[in-house]
Amino acid sequence: MGQTAERDALLARRLDLVATISALTAEALRLNQKLAGIEMEVLRLELEIGRNGASAQLVRDLHEAEESATAIREASVACEERIAAAEGDIEDVDRSLAGGNGPRE
């Protein structure tokens, strides 16, 4: 492939990776907002249990909220890992565009 075609392919790849990072960042923000809401619900339930005692329903609701928060934290970590991987791929493309040694191992 000619130099121009190779450069165009690298630029297209970079653009695709930037779009991916943008989408992943939006997802990370959405997850953080959702987590904040669930953490507020956990606090509300804990306060209600402290004021009125631990009814079976309140304890169940608290347990479910805590499980949801854990699942969202795990999804957030996975999203951050995907962002980091895509950023690494952009670095590879940038090196290739600059005439560096090519992809990292």
PDB file of N, CA and C in Angstrom:
ATOM      1  N   MET A   1       0.863  -1.168   0.000  1.00  0.00           N
ATOM      2  CA  MET A   1       0.000   0.000   0.000  1.00  0.00           C
ATOM      3  C   MET A   1       0.904   1.223   0.000  1.00  0.00           C
ATOM      4  N   GLY A   2       0.485   2.255  -0.709  1.00  0.00           N
ATOM      5  CA  GLY A   2       1.280   3.472  -0.784  1.00  0.00           C
ATOM      6  C   GLY A   2       1.272   4.227   0.517  1.00  0.00           C
ATOM      7  N   GLN A   3       2.229   5.147   0.618  1.00  0.00           N
ATOM      8  CA  GLN A   3       2.347   5.920   1.873  1.00  0.00           C
ATOM      9  C   GLN A   3       1.083   6.720   2.162  1.00  0.00           C
ATOM     10  N   THR A   4       0.506   7.304   1.139  1.00  0.00           N
ATOM     11  CA  THR A   4      -0.698   8.117   1.356  1.00  0.00           C
ATOM     12  C   THR A   4      -1.864   7.242   1.819  1.00  0.00           C
ATOM     13  N   ALA A   5      -2.028   6.106   1.192  1.00  0.00           N
ATOM     14  CA  ALA A   5      -3.121   5.203   1.577  1.00  0.00           C
ATOM     15  C   ALA A   5      -2.907   4.672   2.996  1.00  0.00           C
ATOM     16  N   GLU A   6      -1.660   4.373   3.329  1.00  0.00           N
ATOM     17  CA  GLU A   6      -1.353   3.890   4.678  1.00  0.00           C
ATOM     18  C   GLU A   6      -1.639   4.974   5.709  1.00  0.00           C
ATOM     19  N   ARG A   7      -1.235   6.194   5.400  1.00  0.00           N
ATOM     20  CA  ARG A   7      -1.491   7.315   6.309  1.00  0.00           C
ATOM     21  C   ARG A   7      -2.990   7.553   6.456  1.00  0.00           C
ATOM     22  N   ASP A   8      -3.720   7.494   5.348  1.00  0.00           N
ATOM     23  CA  ASP A   8      -5.182   7.667   5.408  1.00  0.00           C
ATOM     24  C   ASP A   8      -5.827   6.585   6.265  1.00  0.00           C
ATOM     25  N   ALA A   9      -5.342   5.355   6.139  1.00  0.00           N
ATOM     26  CA  ALA A   9      -5.884   4.255   6.946  1.00  0.00           C
ATOM     27  C   ALA A   9      -5.590   4.482   8.428  1.00  0.00           C
ATOM     28  N   LEU A  10      -4.370   4.952   8.733  1.00  0.00           N
ATOM     29  CA  LEU A  10      -4.027   5.239  10.125  1.00  0.00           C
ATOM     30  C   LEU A  10      -4.876   6.379  10.685  1.00  0.00           C
ATOM     31  N   LEU A  11      -5.093   7.406   9.879  1.00  0.00           N
ATOM     32  CA  LEU A  11      -5.921   8.529  10.332  1.00  0.00           C
ATOM     33  C   LEU A  11      -7.367   8.088  10.555  1.00  0.00           C
ATOM     34  N   ALA A  12      -7.873   7.230   9.674  1.00  0.00           N
ATOM     35  CA  ALA A  12      -9.233   6.715   9.853  1.00  0.00           C
ATOM     36  C   ALA A  12      -9.317   5.869  11.123  1.00  0.00           C
ATOM     37  N   ARG A  13      -8.293   5.064  11.369  1.00  0.00           N
ATOM     38  CA  ARG A  13      -8.242   4.246  12.587  1.00  0.00           C
ATOM     39  C   ARG A  13      -8.213   5.127  13.828  1.00  0.00           C
ATOM     40  N   ARG A  14      -7.422   6.195  13.770  1.00  0.00           N
ATOM     41  CA  ARG A  14      -7.327   7.118  14.904  1.00  0.00           C
ATOM     42  C   ARG A  14      -8.677   7.778  15.173  1.00  0.00           C
ATOM     43  N   LEU A  15      -9.337   8.207  14.121  1.00  0.00           N
ATOM     44  CA  LEU A  15     -10.649   8.836  14.258  1.00  0.00           C
ATOM     45  C   LEU A  15     -11.648   7.862  14.883  1.00  0.00           C
ATOM     46  N   ASP A  16     -11.605   6.612  14.447  1.00  0.00           N
ATOM     47  CA  ASP A  16     -12.487   5.590  15.008  1.00  0.00           C
ATOM     48  C   ASP A  16     -12.197   5.384  16.491  1.00  0.00           C
ATOM     49  N   LEU A  17     -10.930   5.359  16.847  1.00  0.00           N
ATOM     50  CA  LEU A  17     -10.554   5.177  18.258  1.00  0.00           C
ATOM     51  C   LEU A  17     -10.988   6.362  19.110  1.00  0.00           C
ATOM     52  N   VAL A  18     -10.866   7.571  18.578  1.00  0.00           N
ATOM     53  CA  VAL A  18     -11.315   8.761  19.320  1.00  0.00           C
ATOM     54  C   VAL A  18     -12.820   8.692  19.543  1.00  0.00           C
ATOM     55  N   ALA A  19     -13.561   8.256  18.536  1.00  0.00           N
ATOM     56  CA  ALA A  19     -15.008   8.103  18.687  1.00  0.00           C
ATOM     57  C   ALA A  19     -15.332   7.051  19.742  1.00  0.00           C
ATOM     58  N   THR A  20     -14.572   5.972  19.752  1.00  0.00           N
ATOM     59  CA  THR A  20     -14.765   4.920  20.753  1.00  0.00           C
ATOM     60  C   THR A  20     -14.520   5.462  22.156  1.00  0.00           C
ATOM     61  N   ILE A  21     -13.446   6.215  22.315  1.00  0.00           N
ATOM     62  CA  ILE A  21     -13.138   6.792  23.629  1.00  0.00           C
ATOM     63  C   ILE A  21     -14.235   7.764  24.052  1.00  0.00           C
ATOM     64  N   SER A  22     -14.735   8.530  23.118  1.00  0.00           N
ATOM     65  CA  SER A  22     -15.816   9.459  23.435  1.00  0.00           C
ATOM     66  C   SER A  22     -17.051   8.711  23.931  1.00  0.00           C
ATOM     67  N   ALA A  23     -17.415   7.631  23.255  1.00  0.00           N
ATOM     68  CA  ALA A  23     -18.575   6.843  23.663  1.00  0.00           C
ATOM     69  C   ALA A  23     -18.335   6.181  25.023  1.00  0.00           C
ATOM     70  N   LEU A  24     -17.140   5.667  25.231  1.00  0.00           N
ATOM     71  CA  LEU A  24     -16.817   5.037  26.508  1.00  0.00           C
ATOM     72  C   LEU A  24     -16.804   6.049  27.653  1.00  0.00           C
ATOM     73  N   THR A  25     -16.329   7.251  27.382  1.00  0.00           N
ATOM     74  CA  THR A  25     -16.325   8.300  28.399  1.00  0.00           C
ATOM     75  C   THR A  25     -17.758   8.679  28.773  1.00  0.00           C
ATOM     76  N   ALA A  26     -18.629   8.757  27.779  1.00  0.00           N
ATOM     77  CA  ALA A  26     -20.041   9.033  28.061  1.00  0.00           C
ATOM     78  C   ALA A  26     -20.637   7.915  28.909  1.00  0.00           C
ATOM     79  N   GLU A  27     -20.294   6.675  28.596  1.00  0.00           N
ATOM     80  CA  GLU A  27     -20.776   5.540  29.376  1.00  0.00           C
ATOM     81  C   GLU A  27     -20.243   5.608  30.808  1.00  0.00           C
ATOM     82  N   ALA A  28     -18.967   5.957  30.966  1.00  0.00           N
ATOM     83  CA  ALA A  28     -18.387   6.074  32.301  1.00  0.00           C
ATOM     84  C   ALA A  28     -19.106   7.153  33.110  1.00  0.00           C
ATOM     85  N   LEU A  29     -19.418   8.262  32.484  1.00  0.00           N
ATOM     86  CA  LEU A  29     -20.145   9.331  33.179  1.00  0.00           C
ATOM     87  C   LEU A  29     -21.547   8.875  33.580  1.00  0.00           C
ATOM     88  N   ARG A  30     -22.214   8.156  32.672  1.00  0.00           N
ATOM     89  CA  ARG A  30     -23.550   7.646  32.974  1.00  0.00           C
ATOM     90  C   ARG A  30     -23.494   6.688  34.163  1.00  0.00           C
ATOM     91  N   LEU A  31     -22.495   5.810  34.163  1.00  0.00           N
ATOM     92  CA  LEU A  31     -22.342   4.872  35.278  1.00  0.00           C
ATOM     93  C   LEU A  31     -22.066   5.606  36.589  1.00  0.00           C
ATOM     94  N   ASN A  32     -21.230   6.643  36.540  1.00  0.00           N
ATOM     95  CA  ASN A  32     -20.936   7.418  37.753  1.00  0.00           C
ATOM     96  C   ASN A  32     -22.187   8.106  38.290  1.00  0.00           C
ATOM     97  N   GLN A  33     -23.009   8.635  37.387  1.00  0.00           N
ATOM     98  CA  GLN A  33     -24.256   9.273  37.819  1.00  0.00           C
ATOM     99  C   GLN A  33     -25.204   8.246  38.438  1.00  0.00           C
ATOM    100  N   LYS A  34     -25.297   7.089  37.799  1.00  0.00           N
ATOM    101  CA  LYS A  34     -26.160   6.033  38.321  1.00  0.00           C
ATOM    102  C   LYS A  34     -25.667   5.578  39.694  1.00  0.00           C
ATOM    103  N   LEU A  35     -24.361   5.430  39.836  1.00  0.00           N
ATOM    104  CA  LEU A  35     -23.783   5.025  41.120  1.00  0.00           C
ATOM    105  C   LEU A  35     -24.085   6.060  42.195  1.00  0.00           C
ATOM    106  N   ALA A  36     -23.957   7.320  41.859  1.00  0.00           N
ATOM    107  CA  ALA A  36     -24.252   8.376  42.841  1.00  0.00           C
ATOM    108  C   ALA A  36     -25.694   8.282  43.319  1.00  0.00           C
ATOM    109  N   GLY A  37     -26.614   8.023  42.408  1.00  0.00           N
ATOM    110  CA  GLY A  37     -28.019   7.877  42.784  1.00  0.00           C
ATOM    111  C   GLY A  37     -28.241   6.688  43.700  1.00  0.00           C
ATOM    112  N   ILE A  38     -27.601   5.583  43.387  1.00  0.00           N
ATOM    113  CA  ILE A  38     -27.757   4.390  44.220  1.00  0.00           C
ATOM    114  C   ILE A  38     -27.113   4.605  45.582  1.00  0.00           C
ATOM    115  N   GLU A  39     -25.959   5.283  45.615  1.00  0.00           N
ATOM    116  CA  GLU A  39     -25.325   5.558  46.907  1.00  0.00           C
ATOM    117  C   GLU A  39     -26.214   6.443  47.775  1.00  0.00           C
ATOM    118  N   MET A  40     -26.925   7.370  47.148  1.00  0.00           N
ATOM    119  CA  MET A  40     -27.877   8.191  47.911  1.00  0.00           C
ATOM    120  C   MET A  40     -29.008   7.323  48.464  1.00  0.00           C
ATOM    121  N   GLU A  41     -29.460   6.364  47.676  1.00  0.00           N
ATOM    122  CA  GLU A  41     -30.508   5.450  48.130  1.00  0.00           C
ATOM    123  C   GLU A  41     -30.004   4.599  49.297  1.00  0.00           C
ATOM    124  N   VAL A  42     -28.770   4.138  49.237  1.00  0.00           N
ATOM    125  CA  VAL A  42     -28.183   3.381  50.346  1.00  0.00           C
ATOM    126  C   VAL A  42     -28.178   4.236  51.612  1.00  0.00           C
ATOM    127  N   LEU A  43     -27.744   5.481  51.482  1.00  0.00           N
ATOM    128  CA  LEU A  43     -27.733   6.376  52.659  1.00  0.00           C
ATOM    129  C   LEU A  43     -29.136   6.592  53.205  1.00  0.00           C
ATOM    130  N   ARG A  44     -30.103   6.783  52.317  1.00  0.00           N
ATOM    131  CA  ARG A  44     -31.489   6.983  52.749  1.00  0.00           C
ATOM    132  C   ARG A  44     -31.987   5.768  53.514  1.00  0.00           C
ATOM    133  N   LEU A  45     -31.704   4.586  52.968  1.00  0.00           N
ATOM    134  CA  LEU A  45     -32.152   3.359  53.625  1.00  0.00           C
ATOM    135  C   LEU A  45     -31.462   3.173  54.977  1.00  0.00           C
ATOM    136  N   GLU A  46     -30.180   3.464  55.034  1.00  0.00           N
ATOM    137  CA  GLU A  46     -29.461   3.349  56.308  1.00  0.00           C
ATOM    138  C   GLU A  46     -30.028   4.308  57.348  1.00  0.00           C
ATOM    139  N   LEU A  47     -30.342   5.521  56.933  1.00  0.00           N
ATOM    140  CA  LEU A  47     -30.944   6.488  57.858  1.00  0.00           C
ATOM    141  C   LEU A  47     -32.312   6.012  58.327  1.00  0.00           C
ATOM    142  N   GLU A  48     -33.094   5.493  57.402  1.00  0.00           N
ATOM    143  CA  GLU A  48     -34.425   5.017  57.769  1.00  0.00           C
ATOM    144  C   GLU A  48     -34.332   3.832  58.731  1.00  0.00           C
ATOM    145  N   ILE A  49     -33.390   2.942  58.487  1.00  0.00           N
ATOM    146  CA  ILE A  49     -33.187   1.812  59.399  1.00  0.00           C
ATOM    147  C   ILE A  49     -32.743   2.325  60.768  1.00  0.00           C
ATOM    148  N   GLY A  50     -31.870   3.332  60.786  1.00  0.00           N
ATOM    149  CA  GLY A  50     -31.415   3.915  62.045  1.00  0.00           C
ATOM    150  C   GLY A  50     -32.536   4.574  62.820  1.00  0.00           C
ATOM    151  N   ARG A  51     -33.466   5.201  62.110  1.00  0.00           N
ATOM    152  CA  ARG A  51     -34.582   5.887  62.780  1.00  0.00           C
ATOM    153  C   ARG A  51     -35.691   4.936  63.199  1.00  0.00           C
ATOM    154  N   ASN A  52     -36.039   3.992  62.308  1.00  0.00           N
ATOM    155  CA  ASN A  52     -37.231   3.176  62.523  1.00  0.00           C
ATOM    156  C   ASN A  52     -36.949   1.710  62.800  1.00  0.00           C
ATOM    157  N   GLY A  53     -35.718   1.316  62.823  1.00  0.00           N
ATOM    158  CA  GLY A  53     -35.399  -0.096  63.035  1.00  0.00           C
ATOM    159  C   GLY A  53     -35.325  -0.840  61.705  1.00  0.00           C
ATOM    160  N   ALA A  54     -34.772  -2.012  61.768  1.00  0.00           N
ATOM    161  CA  ALA A  54     -34.499  -2.793  60.564  1.00  0.00           C
ATOM    162  C   ALA A  54     -35.643  -3.737  60.251  1.00  0.00           C
ATOM    163  N   SER A  55     -36.612  -3.255  59.483  1.00  0.00           N
ATOM    164  CA  SER A  55     -37.667  -4.151  59.016  1.00  0.00           C
ATOM    165  C   SER A  55     -37.091  -5.047  57.926  1.00  0.00           C
ATOM    166  N   ALA A  56     -37.749  -6.170  57.710  1.00  0.00           N
ATOM    167  CA  ALA A  56     -37.270  -7.113  56.689  1.00  0.00           C
ATOM    168  C   ALA A  56     -37.211  -6.446  55.315  1.00  0.00           C
ATOM    169  N   GLN A  57     -38.201  -5.625  54.998  1.00  0.00           N
ATOM    170  CA  GLN A  57     -38.243  -4.974  53.691  1.00  0.00           C
ATOM    171  C   GLN A  57     -37.111  -3.955  53.541  1.00  0.00           C
ATOM    172  N   LEU A  58     -36.862  -3.172  54.573  1.00  0.00           N
ATOM    173  CA  LEU A  58     -35.774  -2.201  54.509  1.00  0.00           C
ATOM    174  C   LEU A  58     -34.419  -2.888  54.348  1.00  0.00           C
ATOM    175  N   VAL A  59     -34.221  -3.966  55.066  1.00  0.00           N
ATOM    176  CA  VAL A  59     -32.961  -4.710  54.971  1.00  0.00           C
ATOM    177  C   VAL A  59     -32.803  -5.281  53.561  1.00  0.00           C
ATOM    178  N   ARG A  60     -33.894  -5.832  53.010  1.00  0.00           N
ATOM    179  CA  ARG A  60     -33.848  -6.349  51.633  1.00  0.00           C
ATOM    180  C   ARG A  60     -33.529  -5.238  50.647  1.00  0.00           C
ATOM    181  N   ASP A  61     -34.200  -4.105  50.803  1.00  0.00           N
ATOM    182  CA  ASP A  61     -33.965  -2.967  49.897  1.00  0.00           C
ATOM    183  C   ASP A  61     -32.520  -2.480  49.985  1.00  0.00           C
ATOM    184  N   LEU A  62     -31.996  -2.419  51.204  1.00  0.00           N
ATOM    185  CA  LEU A  62     -30.611  -1.990  51.401  1.00  0.00           C
ATOM    186  C   LEU A  62     -29.648  -2.974  50.737  1.00  0.00           C
ATOM    187  N   HIS A  63     -29.904  -4.251  50.927  1.00  0.00           N
ATOM    188  CA  HIS A  63     -29.050  -5.279  50.332  1.00  0.00           C
ATOM    189  C   HIS A  63     -29.070  -5.179  48.804  1.00  0.00           C
ATOM    190  N   GLU A  64     -30.246  -4.994  48.225  1.00  0.00           N
ATOM    191  CA  GLU A  64     -30.367  -4.870  46.772  1.00  0.00           C
ATOM    192  C   GLU A  64     -29.642  -3.619  46.263  1.00  0.00           C
ATOM    193  N   ALA A  65     -29.772  -2.523  46.978  1.00  0.00           N
ATOM    194  CA  ALA A  65     -29.097  -1.284  46.580  1.00  0.00           C
ATOM    195  C   ALA A  65     -27.581  -1.449  46.637  1.00  0.00           C
ATOM    196  N   GLU A  66     -27.106  -2.107  47.695  1.00  0.00           N
ATOM    197  CA  GLU A  66     -25.660  -2.343  47.810  1.00  0.00           C
ATOM    198  C   GLU A  66     -25.148  -3.248  46.702  1.00  0.00           C
ATOM    199  N   GLU A  67     -25.928  -4.269  46.339  1.00  0.00           N
ATOM    200  CA  GLU A  67     -25.546  -5.153  45.232  1.00  0.00           C
ATOM    201  C   GLU A  67     -25.511  -4.385  43.910  1.00  0.00           C
ATOM    202  N   SER A  68     -26.493  -3.514  43.709  1.00  0.00           N
ATOM    203  CA  SER A  68     -26.519  -2.691  42.493  1.00  0.00           C
ATOM    204  C   SER A  68     -25.301  -1.779  42.431  1.00  0.00           C
ATOM    205  N   ALA A  69     -24.952  -1.187  43.557  1.00  0.00           N
ATOM    206  CA  ALA A  69     -23.783  -0.303  43.606  1.00  0.00           C
ATOM    207  C   ALA A  69     -22.512  -1.080  43.266  1.00  0.00           C
ATOM    208  N   THR A  70     -22.390  -2.290  43.784  1.00  0.00           N
ATOM    209  CA  THR A  70     -21.217  -3.112  43.489  1.00  0.00           C
ATOM    210  C   THR A  70     -21.148  -3.442  41.999  1.00  0.00           C
ATOM    211  N   ALA A  71     -22.269  -3.810  41.409  1.00  0.00           N
ATOM    212  CA  ALA A  71     -22.302  -4.134  39.982  1.00  0.00           C
ATOM    213  C   ALA A  71     -21.927  -2.916  39.131  1.00  0.00           C
ATOM    214  N   ILE A  72     -22.396  -1.762  39.520  1.00  0.00           N
ATOM    215  CA  ILE A  72     -22.079  -0.550  38.758  1.00  0.00           C
ATOM    216  C   ILE A  72     -20.606  -0.192  38.914  1.00  0.00           C
ATOM    217  N   ARG A  73     -20.069  -0.362  40.111  1.00  0.00           N
ATOM    218  CA  ARG A  73     -18.630  -0.116  40.304  1.00  0.00           C
ATOM    219  C   ARG A  73     -17.801  -1.029  39.401  1.00  0.00           C
ATOM    220  N   GLU A  74     -18.188  -2.297  39.315  1.00  0.00           N
ATOM    221  CA  GLU A  74     -17.470  -3.249  38.461  1.00  0.00           C
ATOM    222  C   GLU A  74     -17.576  -2.858  36.988  1.00  0.00           C
ATOM    223  N   ALA A  75     -18.759  -2.433  36.569  1.00  0.00           N
ATOM    224  CA  ALA A  75     -18.947  -1.988  35.182  1.00  0.00           C
ATOM    225  C   ALA A  75     -18.117  -0.739  34.905  1.00  0.00           C
ATOM    226  N   SER A  76     -18.017   0.120  35.888  1.00  0.00           N
ATOM    227  CA  SER A  76     -17.234   1.349  35.739  1.00  0.00           C
ATOM    228  C   SER A  76     -15.749   1.029  35.586  1.00  0.00           C
ATOM    229  N   VAL A  77     -15.248   0.093  36.373  1.00  0.00           N
ATOM    230  CA  VAL A  77     -13.849  -0.314  36.265  1.00  0.00           C
ATOM    231  C   VAL A  77     -13.585  -0.911  34.880  1.00  0.00           C
ATOM    232  N   ALA A  78     -14.487  -1.759  34.410  1.00  0.00           N
ATOM    233  CA  ALA A  78     -14.330  -2.367  33.084  1.00  0.00           C
ATOM    234  C   ALA A  78     -14.334  -1.295  31.998  1.00  0.00           C
ATOM    235  N   CYS A  79     -15.187  -0.306  32.146  1.00  0.00           N
ATOM    236  CA  CYS A  79     -15.248   0.797  31.181  1.00  0.00           C
ATOM    237  C   CYS A  79     -13.941   1.584  31.187  1.00  0.00           C
ATOM    238  N   GLU A  80     -13.416   1.871  32.358  1.00  0.00           N
ATOM    239  CA  GLU A  80     -12.146   2.595  32.459  1.00  0.00           C
ATOM    240  C   GLU A  80     -11.003   1.793  31.830  1.00  0.00           C
ATOM    241  N   GLU A  81     -11.041   0.483  31.990  1.00  0.00           N
ATOM    242  CA  GLU A  81     -10.016  -0.365  31.373  1.00  0.00           C
ATOM    243  C   GLU A  81     -10.112  -0.319  29.848  1.00  0.00           C
ATOM    244  N   ARG A  82     -11.338  -0.305  29.337  1.00  0.00           N
ATOM    245  CA  ARG A  82     -11.527  -0.200  27.883  1.00  0.00           C
ATOM    246  C   ARG A  82     -11.050   1.154  27.365  1.00  0.00           C
ATOM    247  N   ILE A  83     -11.281   2.206  28.131  1.00  0.00           N
ATOM    248  CA  ILE A  83     -10.790   3.538  27.752  1.00  0.00           C
ATOM    249  C   ILE A  83      -9.267   3.527  27.694  1.00  0.00           C
ATOM    250  N   ALA A  84      -8.639   2.961  28.717  1.00  0.00           N
ATOM    251  CA  ALA A  84      -7.171   2.912  28.752  1.00  0.00           C
ATOM    252  C   ALA A  84      -6.619   2.119  27.571  1.00  0.00           C
ATOM    253  N   ALA A  85      -7.272   1.018  27.228  1.00  0.00           N
ATOM    254  CA  ALA A  85      -6.815   0.218  26.090  1.00  0.00           C
ATOM    255  C   ALA A  85      -6.934   1.001  24.786  1.00  0.00           C
ATOM    256  N   ALA A  86      -8.043   1.706  24.613  1.00  0.00           N
ATOM    257  CA  ALA A  86      -8.225   2.505  23.401  1.00  0.00           C
ATOM    258  C   ALA A  86      -7.215   3.649  23.342  1.00  0.00           C
ATOM    259  N   GLU A  87      -6.907   4.238  24.493  1.00  0.00           N
ATOM    260  CA  GLU A  87      -5.886   5.291  24.529  1.00  0.00           C
ATOM    261  C   GLU A  87      -4.520   4.727  24.135  1.00  0.00           C
ATOM    262  N   GLY A  88      -4.233   3.509  24.580  1.00  0.00           N
ATOM    263  CA  GLY A  88      -2.987   2.852  24.180  1.00  0.00           C
ATOM    264  C   GLY A  88      -2.948   2.610  22.678  1.00  0.00           C
ATOM    265  N   ASP A  89      -4.091   2.223  22.114  1.00  0.00           N
ATOM    266  CA  ASP A  89      -4.162   2.021  20.663  1.00  0.00           C
ATOM    267  C   ASP A  89      -3.930   3.332  19.912  1.00  0.00           C
ATOM    268  N   ILE A  90      -4.444   4.434  20.457  1.00  0.00           N
ATOM    269  CA  ILE A  90      -4.210   5.739  19.826  1.00  0.00           C
ATOM    270  C   ILE A  90      -2.727   6.071  19.866  1.00  0.00           C
ATOM    271  N   GLU A  91      -2.072   5.774  20.978  1.00  0.00           N
ATOM    272  CA  GLU A  91      -0.630   6.017  21.068  1.00  0.00           C
ATOM    273  C   GLU A  91       0.117   5.224  19.996  1.00  0.00           C
ATOM    274  N   ASP A  92      -0.311   3.981  19.767  1.00  0.00           N
ATOM    275  CA  ASP A  92       0.306   3.161  18.719  1.00  0.00           C
ATOM    276  C   ASP A  92       0.130   3.804  17.347  1.00  0.00           C
ATOM    277  N   VAL A  93      -1.085   4.241  17.073  1.00  0.00           N
ATOM    278  CA  VAL A  93      -1.373   4.881  15.782  1.00  0.00           C
ATOM    279  C   VAL A  93      -0.552   6.153  15.645  1.00  0.00           C
ATOM    280  N   ASP A  94      -0.488   6.935  16.710  1.00  0.00           N
ATOM    281  CA  ASP A  94       0.294   8.179  16.665  1.00  0.00           C
ATOM    282  C   ASP A  94       1.772   7.909  16.394  1.00  0.00           C
ATOM    283  N   ARG A  95       2.295   6.862  17.016  1.00  0.00           N
ATOM    284  CA  ARG A  95       3.698   6.488  16.742  1.00  0.00           C
ATOM    285  C   ARG A  95       3.879   6.101  15.275  1.00  0.00           C
ATOM    286  N   SER A  96       2.925   5.337  14.766  1.00  0.00           N
ATOM    287  CA  SER A  96       3.005   4.940  13.365  1.00  0.00           C
ATOM    288  C   SER A  96       2.928   6.155  12.442  1.00  0.00           C
ATOM    289  N   LEU A  97       2.047   7.077  12.793  1.00  0.00           N
ATOM    290  CA  LEU A  97       1.919   8.291  11.984  1.00  0.00           C
ATOM    291  C   LEU A  97       3.182   9.135  12.031  1.00  0.00           C
ATOM    292  N   ALA A  98       3.859   9.119  13.177  1.00  0.00           N
ATOM    293  CA  ALA A  98       5.086   9.892  13.337  1.00  0.00           C
ATOM    294  C   ALA A  98       6.305   9.152  12.774  1.00  0.00           C
ATOM    295  N   GLY A  99       6.071   7.926  12.294  1.00  0.00           N
ATOM    296  CA  GLY A  99       7.184   7.165  11.748  1.00  0.00           C
ATOM    297  C   GLY A  99       7.955   6.408  12.787  1.00  0.00           C
ATOM    298  N   GLY A 100       7.294   6.131  13.935  1.00  0.00           N
ATOM    299  CA  GLY A 100       7.954   5.415  15.025  1.00  0.00           C
ATOM    300  C   GLY A 100       8.111   3.951  14.708  1.00  0.00           C
ATOM    301  N   ASN A 101       8.293   3.192  15.741  1.00  0.00           N
ATOM    302  CA  ASN A 101       8.580   1.765  15.610  1.00  0.00           C
ATOM    303  C   ASN A 101       7.351   0.899  15.414  1.00  0.00           C
ATOM    304  N   GLY A 102       6.174   1.469  15.311  1.00  0.00           N
ATOM    305  CA  GLY A 102       4.991   0.656  15.091  1.00  0.00           C
ATOM    306  C   GLY A 102       4.317   0.295  16.395  1.00  0.00           C
ATOM    307  N   PRO A 103       3.429  -0.694  16.339  1.00  0.00           N
ATOM    308  CA  PRO A 103       2.614  -1.036  17.519  1.00  0.00           C
ATOM    309  C   PRO A 103       3.448  -1.536  18.685  1.00  0.00           C
ATOM    310  N   ARG A 104       2.908  -1.246  19.886  1.00  0.00           N
ATOM    311  CA  ARG A 104       3.558  -1.747  21.106  1.00  0.00           C
ATOM    312  C   ARG A 104       3.201  -3.208  21.277  1.00  0.00           C
ATOM    313  N   GLU A 105       3.966  -3.889  22.035  1.00  0.00           N
ATOM    314  CA  GLU A 105       3.723  -5.327  22.268  1.00  0.00           C
ATOM    315  C   GLU A 105       2.949  -5.502  23.531  1.00  0.00           C
TER     316      GLU A 105
END
